[in-house]
């Protein structure tokens, strides 16, 4: 039986490249230094954690466990946590680890607040000011705190992704039920508009003066089309994300499902006379156009969701702000 090759995904490529750096840095350390036994302990820790990362990248679970693992994000988050610990241990194993101080300060500044005592201690650190053991402790504490915040943000991104999926499934079930009911009992969901005050004929989504079984589905499809237009706008405006969890697809799915539901609600409102005297519906084409508009209108509410998603992703893997000052040693 041929050996199954590991899957290649974006997060695996990023983790693999950083793992290669860790292994290169470990190889550059040379033989263990008997004068620095603590460095040898950190070296062994880095090698053990690097092996864990390698296992997460190469192993493949049975098919019946893939969905639970994907839902829990176990492989992704285990790989990232082990990689972070391997990076901390590799830096700590170097005798001249303070030579990396500018880079360490910049990395810690991405995840810790300005007033965090661990960040302030790292930024105030001067080579030779303390013993190597104290300097190493300051670096390790700051790095671990920064990586912990990153790992917690990964978990928050996964939780948000799962909520988006659950909400999309609920909306899908509701839309499907409405469509089936519309087929079984045409007219039970009144989507026809009878603008008596404008002396216009009764208009139904199917193009007739009488409700048909396709009315609900037609309105939902046109509402989804309007939501797709909003999703395209979201895609064009979205900046690149380095998060291991890509949300754009799930956000678009929410928009499409919600657009279909709101289109039905909007056409119901027109049929109920909510806009009586303001909007006239002279034809089925006008009615379907309003379905598209109502589908696009979900963007009003989902913009808040888009903004919140951006904030969550920025916490997981922040991109540098062009206006933010660079971190400089104090």
Protein backbone atom coordinates (compact mmCIF):
# COMPACT_ATOMS: atom_id res chain seq x y z
CA UNK A 1 0.00 0.00 0.00
CA UNK A 2 1.46 3.35 -1.01
CA UNK A 3 2.24 5.81 1.75
CA UNK A 4 -0.17 8.71 1.92
CA UNK A 5 1.42 12.08 1.40
CA UNK A 6 0.66 14.85 3.91
CA UNK A 7 -1.75 17.49 2.80
CA UNK A 8 -0.33 20.81 1.67
CA UNK A 9 -2.20 23.81 3.08
CA UNK A 10 -1.30 27.43 3.71
CA UNK A 11 -0.74 27.06 7.43
CA UNK A 12 1.45 23.99 6.91
CA UNK A 13 3.67 25.90 4.47
CA UNK A 14 4.16 28.73 6.97
CA UNK A 15 4.83 26.39 9.88
CA UNK A 16 7.21 24.28 7.79
CA UNK A 17 9.26 27.31 6.75
CA UNK A 18 9.59 28.46 10.36
CA UNK A 19 10.44 24.94 11.46
CA UNK A 20 13.25 24.88 8.89
CA UNK A 21 14.61 28.07 10.45
CA UNK A 22 14.52 26.49 13.90
CA UNK A 23 16.44 23.45 12.66
CA UNK A 24 18.97 25.68 10.91
CA UNK A 25 19.48 27.71 14.10
CA UNK A 26 19.90 24.51 16.13
CA UNK A 27 22.49 23.20 13.68
CA UNK A 28 24.38 26.50 13.91
CA UNK A 29 24.71 26.14 17.70
CA UNK A 30 27.45 23.55 17.32
CA UNK A 31 28.28 21.01 20.03
CA UNK A 32 26.91 21.47 23.57
CA UNK A 33 28.83 23.91 25.73
CA UNK A 34 29.85 22.35 29.10
CA UNK A 35 30.14 25.85 30.57
CA UNK A 36 26.45 26.52 29.87
CA UNK A 37 24.42 23.48 31.00
CA UNK A 38 21.19 25.50 30.91
CA UNK A 39 21.71 26.14 27.22
CA UNK A 40 21.97 22.39 26.64
CA UNK A 41 18.60 21.90 28.38
CA UNK A 42 17.01 24.48 26.11
CA UNK A 43 18.57 22.80 23.08
CA UNK A 44 16.98 19.45 23.97
CA UNK A 45 13.64 21.19 24.55
CA UNK A 46 13.82 22.83 21.13
CA UNK A 47 14.60 19.48 19.46
CA UNK A 48 11.68 17.78 21.23
CA UNK A 49 9.22 20.52 20.27
CA UNK A 50 10.53 20.56 16.70
CA UNK A 51 9.82 16.83 16.51
CA UNK A 52 6.25 17.48 17.67
CA UNK A 53 5.80 20.07 14.93
CA UNK A 54 7.18 17.67 12.34
CA UNK A 55 4.69 15.02 13.48
CA UNK A 56 1.78 17.45 13.19
CA UNK A 57 2.83 18.37 9.66
CA UNK A 58 3.42 14.85 8.37
CA UNK A 59 0.75 12.79 10.10
CA UNK A 60 -2.66 12.22 8.54
CA UNK A 61 -5.63 11.13 10.56
CA UNK A 62 -8.18 8.53 9.45
CA UNK A 63 -10.96 9.99 7.35
CA UNK A 64 -13.51 9.45 10.10
CA UNK A 65 -11.53 11.73 12.45
CA UNK A 66 -10.77 14.48 9.97
CA UNK A 67 -14.00 16.44 10.50
CA UNK A 68 -13.75 16.49 14.34
CA UNK A 69 -10.08 17.50 14.09
CA UNK A 70 -10.91 20.22 11.58
CA UNK A 71 -13.71 21.51 13.81
CA UNK A 72 -11.55 21.57 16.94
CA UNK A 73 -8.46 22.89 15.13
CA UNK A 74 -6.36 20.46 17.13
CA UNK A 75 -3.66 19.89 14.52
CA UNK A 76 -3.25 23.55 13.66
CA UNK A 77 -3.09 24.87 17.19
CA UNK A 78 -0.90 22.01 18.46
CA UNK A 79 1.57 22.66 15.64
CA UNK A 80 1.67 26.41 16.30
CA UNK A 81 2.09 26.02 20.07
CA UNK A 82 4.90 23.51 19.66
CA UNK A 83 6.56 25.72 17.04
CA UNK A 84 6.41 28.74 19.34
CA UNK A 85 7.96 26.77 22.19
CA UNK A 86 10.66 25.47 19.84
CA UNK A 87 11.49 29.03 18.76
CA UNK A 88 11.69 30.21 22.37
CA UNK A 89 13.91 27.28 23.33
CA UNK A 90 16.19 27.75 20.30
CA UNK A 91 16.77 31.41 21.11
CA UNK A 92 17.39 30.56 24.77
CA UNK A 93 19.94 27.91 23.79
CA UNK A 94 22.17 30.49 22.11
CA UNK A 95 24.90 32.01 24.23
CA UNK A 96 24.64 35.27 22.29
CA UNK A 97 20.85 35.38 22.24
CA UNK A 98 20.82 39.08 23.09
CA UNK A 99 22.15 39.72 19.60
CA UNK A 100 18.57 39.07 18.51
CA UNK A 101 17.23 41.72 20.87
CA UNK A 102 15.91 44.18 18.22
CA UNK A 103 13.98 41.41 16.48
CA UNK A 104 12.68 40.05 19.77
CA UNK A 105 11.45 43.47 20.81
CA UNK A 106 9.63 43.94 17.49
CA UNK A 107 8.00 40.51 17.76
CA UNK A 108 6.88 41.03 21.33
CA UNK A 109 5.51 44.48 20.48
CA UNK A 110 3.05 42.85 18.06
CA UNK A 111 1.25 40.95 20.80
CA UNK A 112 1.85 42.73 24.14
CA UNK A 113 0.53 46.14 25.19
CA UNK A 114 2.84 49.08 25.73
CA UNK A 115 2.34 48.97 29.51
CA UNK A 116 2.91 45.21 29.84
CA UNK A 117 5.76 44.78 32.37
CA UNK A 118 7.29 41.90 30.40
CA UNK A 119 7.48 43.99 27.25
CA UNK A 120 8.86 46.97 29.15
CA UNK A 121 11.50 44.79 30.81
CA UNK A 122 12.58 43.42 27.43
CA UNK A 123 12.77 46.86 25.84
CA UNK A 124 14.79 48.18 28.79
CA UNK A 125 17.21 45.24 28.74
CA UNK A 126 20.89 46.11 28.18
CA UNK A 127 23.43 43.40 27.30
CA UNK A 128 25.68 42.74 30.29
CA UNK A 129 23.42 44.53 32.75
CA UNK A 130 22.35 41.25 34.40
CA UNK A 131 23.67 37.74 34.59
CA UNK A 132 22.99 35.52 31.53
CA UNK A 133 20.41 33.57 33.54
CA UNK A 134 18.44 36.74 34.35
CA UNK A 135 18.69 38.02 30.78
CA UNK A 136 17.47 34.68 29.46
CA UNK A 137 14.55 34.70 31.91
CA UNK A 138 13.46 38.18 30.75
CA UNK A 139 13.57 37.13 27.10
CA UNK A 140 11.75 33.84 27.70
CA UNK A 141 8.96 35.43 29.76
CA UNK A 142 8.33 38.15 27.18
CA UNK A 143 8.39 35.76 24.23
CA UNK A 144 6.15 33.20 25.90
CA UNK A 145 3.63 35.87 26.85
CA UNK A 146 3.58 37.17 23.27
CA UNK A 147 3.17 33.69 21.81
CA UNK A 148 0.48 32.83 24.35
CA UNK A 149 -1.55 35.82 23.18
CA UNK A 150 -1.08 34.69 19.59
CA UNK A 151 -2.18 31.13 20.42
CA UNK A 152 -5.23 32.36 22.32
CA UNK A 153 -6.11 34.52 19.32
CA UNK A 154 -5.87 31.42 17.11
CA UNK A 155 -8.40 29.71 19.37
CA UNK A 156 -10.64 32.78 19.16
CA UNK A 157 -10.45 32.71 15.36
CA UNK A 158 -11.43 29.05 15.34
CA UNK A 159 -14.37 29.72 17.67
CA UNK A 160 -15.57 32.53 15.39
CA UNK A 161 -15.23 30.30 12.35
CA UNK A 162 -17.31 27.59 14.00
CA UNK A 163 -20.00 30.11 14.94
CA UNK A 164 -20.16 31.35 11.36
CA UNK A 165 -20.56 27.78 10.12
CA UNK A 166 -23.27 27.00 12.68
CA UNK A 167 -25.19 30.18 11.83
CA UNK A 168 -24.91 29.41 8.11
CA UNK A 169 -26.30 25.91 8.65
CA UNK A 170 -29.26 27.27 10.63
CA UNK A 171 -30.04 29.81 7.89
CA UNK A 172 -29.68 27.09 5.24
CA UNK A 173 -32.20 24.90 7.04
CA UNK A 174 -34.64 27.81 7.42
CA UNK A 175 -34.34 28.79 3.75
CA UNK A 176 -34.77 25.18 2.64
CA UNK A 177 -37.85 24.71 4.79
CA UNK A 178 -39.38 27.90 3.40
CA UNK A 179 -38.69 26.75 -0.14
CA UNK A 180 -40.18 23.29 0.43
CA UNK A 181 -43.27 24.79 2.07
CA UNK A 182 -43.66 27.13 -0.91
CA UNK A 183 -43.63 24.16 -3.28
CA UNK A 184 -45.97 21.97 -1.24
CA UNK A 185 -48.47 24.73 -0.56
CA UNK A 186 -48.09 27.61 -3.04
CA UNK A 187 -49.29 30.89 -1.62
CA UNK A 188 -48.98 29.92 2.06
CA UNK A 189 -46.05 32.34 2.10
CA UNK A 190 -47.70 35.32 0.35
CA UNK A 191 -45.09 36.85 -1.91
CA UNK A 192 -47.52 38.40 -4.40
CA UNK A 193 -48.00 42.17 -4.31
CA UNK A 194 -51.46 43.67 -4.87
CA UNK A 195 -51.01 47.47 -5.03
CA UNK A 196 -54.70 48.39 -5.12
CA UNK A 197 -54.13 52.04 -4.32
CA UNK A 198 -52.05 52.44 -7.50
CA UNK A 199 -54.54 50.58 -9.69
CA UNK A 200 -51.80 48.14 -10.64
CA UNK A 201 -52.40 44.43 -11.22
CA UNK A 202 -51.37 41.74 -8.76
CA UNK A 203 -47.77 40.74 -9.34
CA UNK A 204 -46.12 37.47 -8.23
CA UNK A 205 -42.42 36.57 -8.45
CA UNK A 206 -43.21 33.84 -10.98
CA UNK A 207 -44.60 36.37 -13.45
CA UNK A 208 -48.26 35.47 -13.04
CA UNK A 209 -51.14 36.93 -11.07
CA UNK A 210 -51.37 33.77 -8.99
CA UNK A 211 -48.91 32.28 -6.52
CA UNK A 212 -46.82 29.37 -7.78
CA UNK A 213 -44.51 26.82 -6.20
CA UNK A 214 -41.37 28.50 -7.49
CA UNK A 215 -42.06 31.91 -5.96
CA UNK A 216 -40.13 31.33 -2.73
CA UNK A 217 -37.18 29.70 -4.46
CA UNK A 218 -37.04 32.44 -7.07
CA UNK A 219 -37.00 35.18 -4.45
CA UNK A 220 -34.34 33.33 -2.46
CA UNK A 221 -32.14 32.85 -5.51
CA UNK A 222 -32.37 36.54 -6.43
CA UNK A 223 -31.73 37.52 -2.81
CA UNK A 224 -28.66 35.28 -2.77
CA UNK A 225 -27.49 36.95 -5.97
CA UNK A 226 -27.69 40.34 -4.29
CA UNK A 227 -25.71 38.95 -1.36
CA UNK A 228 -23.08 37.59 -3.76
CA UNK A 229 -22.56 41.13 -5.05
CA UNK A 230 -21.89 42.23 -1.47
CA UNK A 231 -19.51 39.30 -0.98
CA UNK A 232 -17.54 40.33 -4.07
CA UNK A 233 -17.20 43.83 -2.64
CA UNK A 234 -15.96 42.29 0.62
CA UNK A 235 -13.40 40.21 -1.27
CA UNK A 236 -12.08 43.24 -3.15
CA UNK A 237 -11.76 45.30 0.03
CA UNK A 238 -10.27 42.55 2.21
CA UNK A 239 -6.58 42.92 2.94
CA UNK A 240 -4.36 39.81 3.06
CA UNK A 241 -4.63 37.74 6.22
CA UNK A 242 -1.88 35.60 7.74
CA UNK A 243 -4.24 33.82 10.11
CA UNK A 244 -4.31 30.00 9.98
CA UNK A 245 -8.10 30.30 9.79
CA UNK A 246 -9.37 31.95 6.60
CA UNK A 247 -12.77 33.51 7.24
CA UNK A 248 -13.68 35.06 3.90
CA UNK A 249 -15.53 31.97 2.65
CA UNK A 250 -17.61 31.62 5.81
CA UNK A 251 -18.42 35.34 5.82
CA UNK A 252 -19.60 35.07 2.22
CA UNK A 253 -21.70 32.03 3.12
CA UNK A 254 -23.41 33.96 5.93
CA UNK A 255 -24.13 36.83 3.54
CA UNK A 256 -25.65 34.52 0.92
CA UNK A 257 -27.86 32.64 3.36
CA UNK A 258 -28.94 35.85 5.08
CA UNK A 259 -29.56 37.56 1.74
CA UNK A 260 -31.94 34.78 0.71
CA UNK A 261 -33.86 35.04 3.98
CA UNK A 262 -34.05 38.84 3.92
CA UNK A 263 -35.28 38.81 0.33
CA UNK A 264 -38.27 36.73 1.42
CA UNK A 265 -38.89 39.03 4.39
CA UNK A 266 -38.59 42.12 2.20
CA UNK A 267 -41.03 40.86 -0.43
CA UNK A 268 -43.43 39.91 2.37
CA UNK A 269 -43.18 43.50 3.61
CA UNK A 270 -44.01 44.82 0.14
CA UNK A 271 -46.99 42.49 -0.10
CA UNK A 272 -48.19 43.55 3.34
CA UNK A 273 -48.33 47.18 2.22
CA UNK A 274 -45.55 48.46 4.48
CA UNK A 275 -44.39 50.73 1.66
CA UNK A 276 -47.88 51.58 0.50
CA UNK A 277 -47.93 54.81 -1.50
CA UNK A 278 -44.13 54.94 -1.70
CA UNK A 279 -43.16 52.05 -3.93
CA UNK A 280 -45.11 50.74 -6.88
CA UNK A 281 -44.48 47.27 -8.28
CA UNK A 282 -45.66 47.35 -11.92
CA UNK A 283 -44.21 44.00 -13.00
CA UNK A 284 -42.61 40.76 -11.87
CA UNK A 285 -39.26 42.11 -13.03
CA UNK A 286 -39.56 45.01 -10.57
CA UNK A 287 -40.51 42.61 -7.80
CA UNK A 288 -37.48 40.41 -8.48
CA UNK A 289 -35.27 43.49 -8.63
CA UNK A 290 -36.42 44.32 -5.13
CA UNK A 291 -35.49 40.79 -4.09
CA UNK A 292 -31.94 41.49 -5.29
CA UNK A 293 -31.90 44.80 -3.41
CA UNK A 294 -33.13 43.18 -0.20
CA UNK A 295 -30.50 40.48 -0.59
CA UNK A 296 -27.77 43.09 -0.93
CA UNK A 297 -29.22 44.99 2.05
CA UNK A 298 -27.96 42.31 4.43
CA UNK A 299 -24.61 44.13 4.07
CA UNK A 300 -25.92 46.74 6.52
CA UNK A 301 -25.93 44.21 9.33
CA UNK A 302 -23.05 41.98 8.26
CA UNK A 303 -20.64 44.92 8.03
CA UNK A 304 -20.45 44.80 11.81
CA UNK A 305 -19.61 41.11 11.55
CA UNK A 306 -16.96 41.87 8.93
CA UNK A 307 -15.38 44.49 11.18
CA UNK A 308 -15.38 42.15 14.17
CA UNK A 309 -13.83 39.38 12.06
CA UNK A 310 -11.04 41.70 10.94
CA UNK A 311 -10.29 42.55 14.56
CA UNK A 312 -10.13 38.88 15.54
CA UNK A 313 -7.83 38.02 12.63
CA UNK A 314 -5.54 40.98 13.37
CA UNK A 315 -5.13 39.71 16.93
CA UNK A 316 -4.23 36.25 15.63
CA UNK A 317 -1.63 37.38 13.09
CA UNK A 318 -1.37 41.20 13.13
CA UNK A 319 -0.11 43.03 10.09
CA UNK A 320 2.08 46.07 10.71
CA UNK A 321 0.33 49.42 10.69
CA UNK A 322 1.96 51.83 8.28
CA UNK A 323 1.29 54.71 10.67
CA UNK A 324 2.58 53.00 13.82
CA UNK A 325 6.06 53.93 15.03
CA UNK A 326 8.80 51.32 14.94
CA UNK A 327 9.91 49.81 18.20
CA UNK A 328 13.35 51.01 19.16
CA UNK A 329 15.48 49.98 22.15
CA UNK A 330 15.25 52.40 25.01
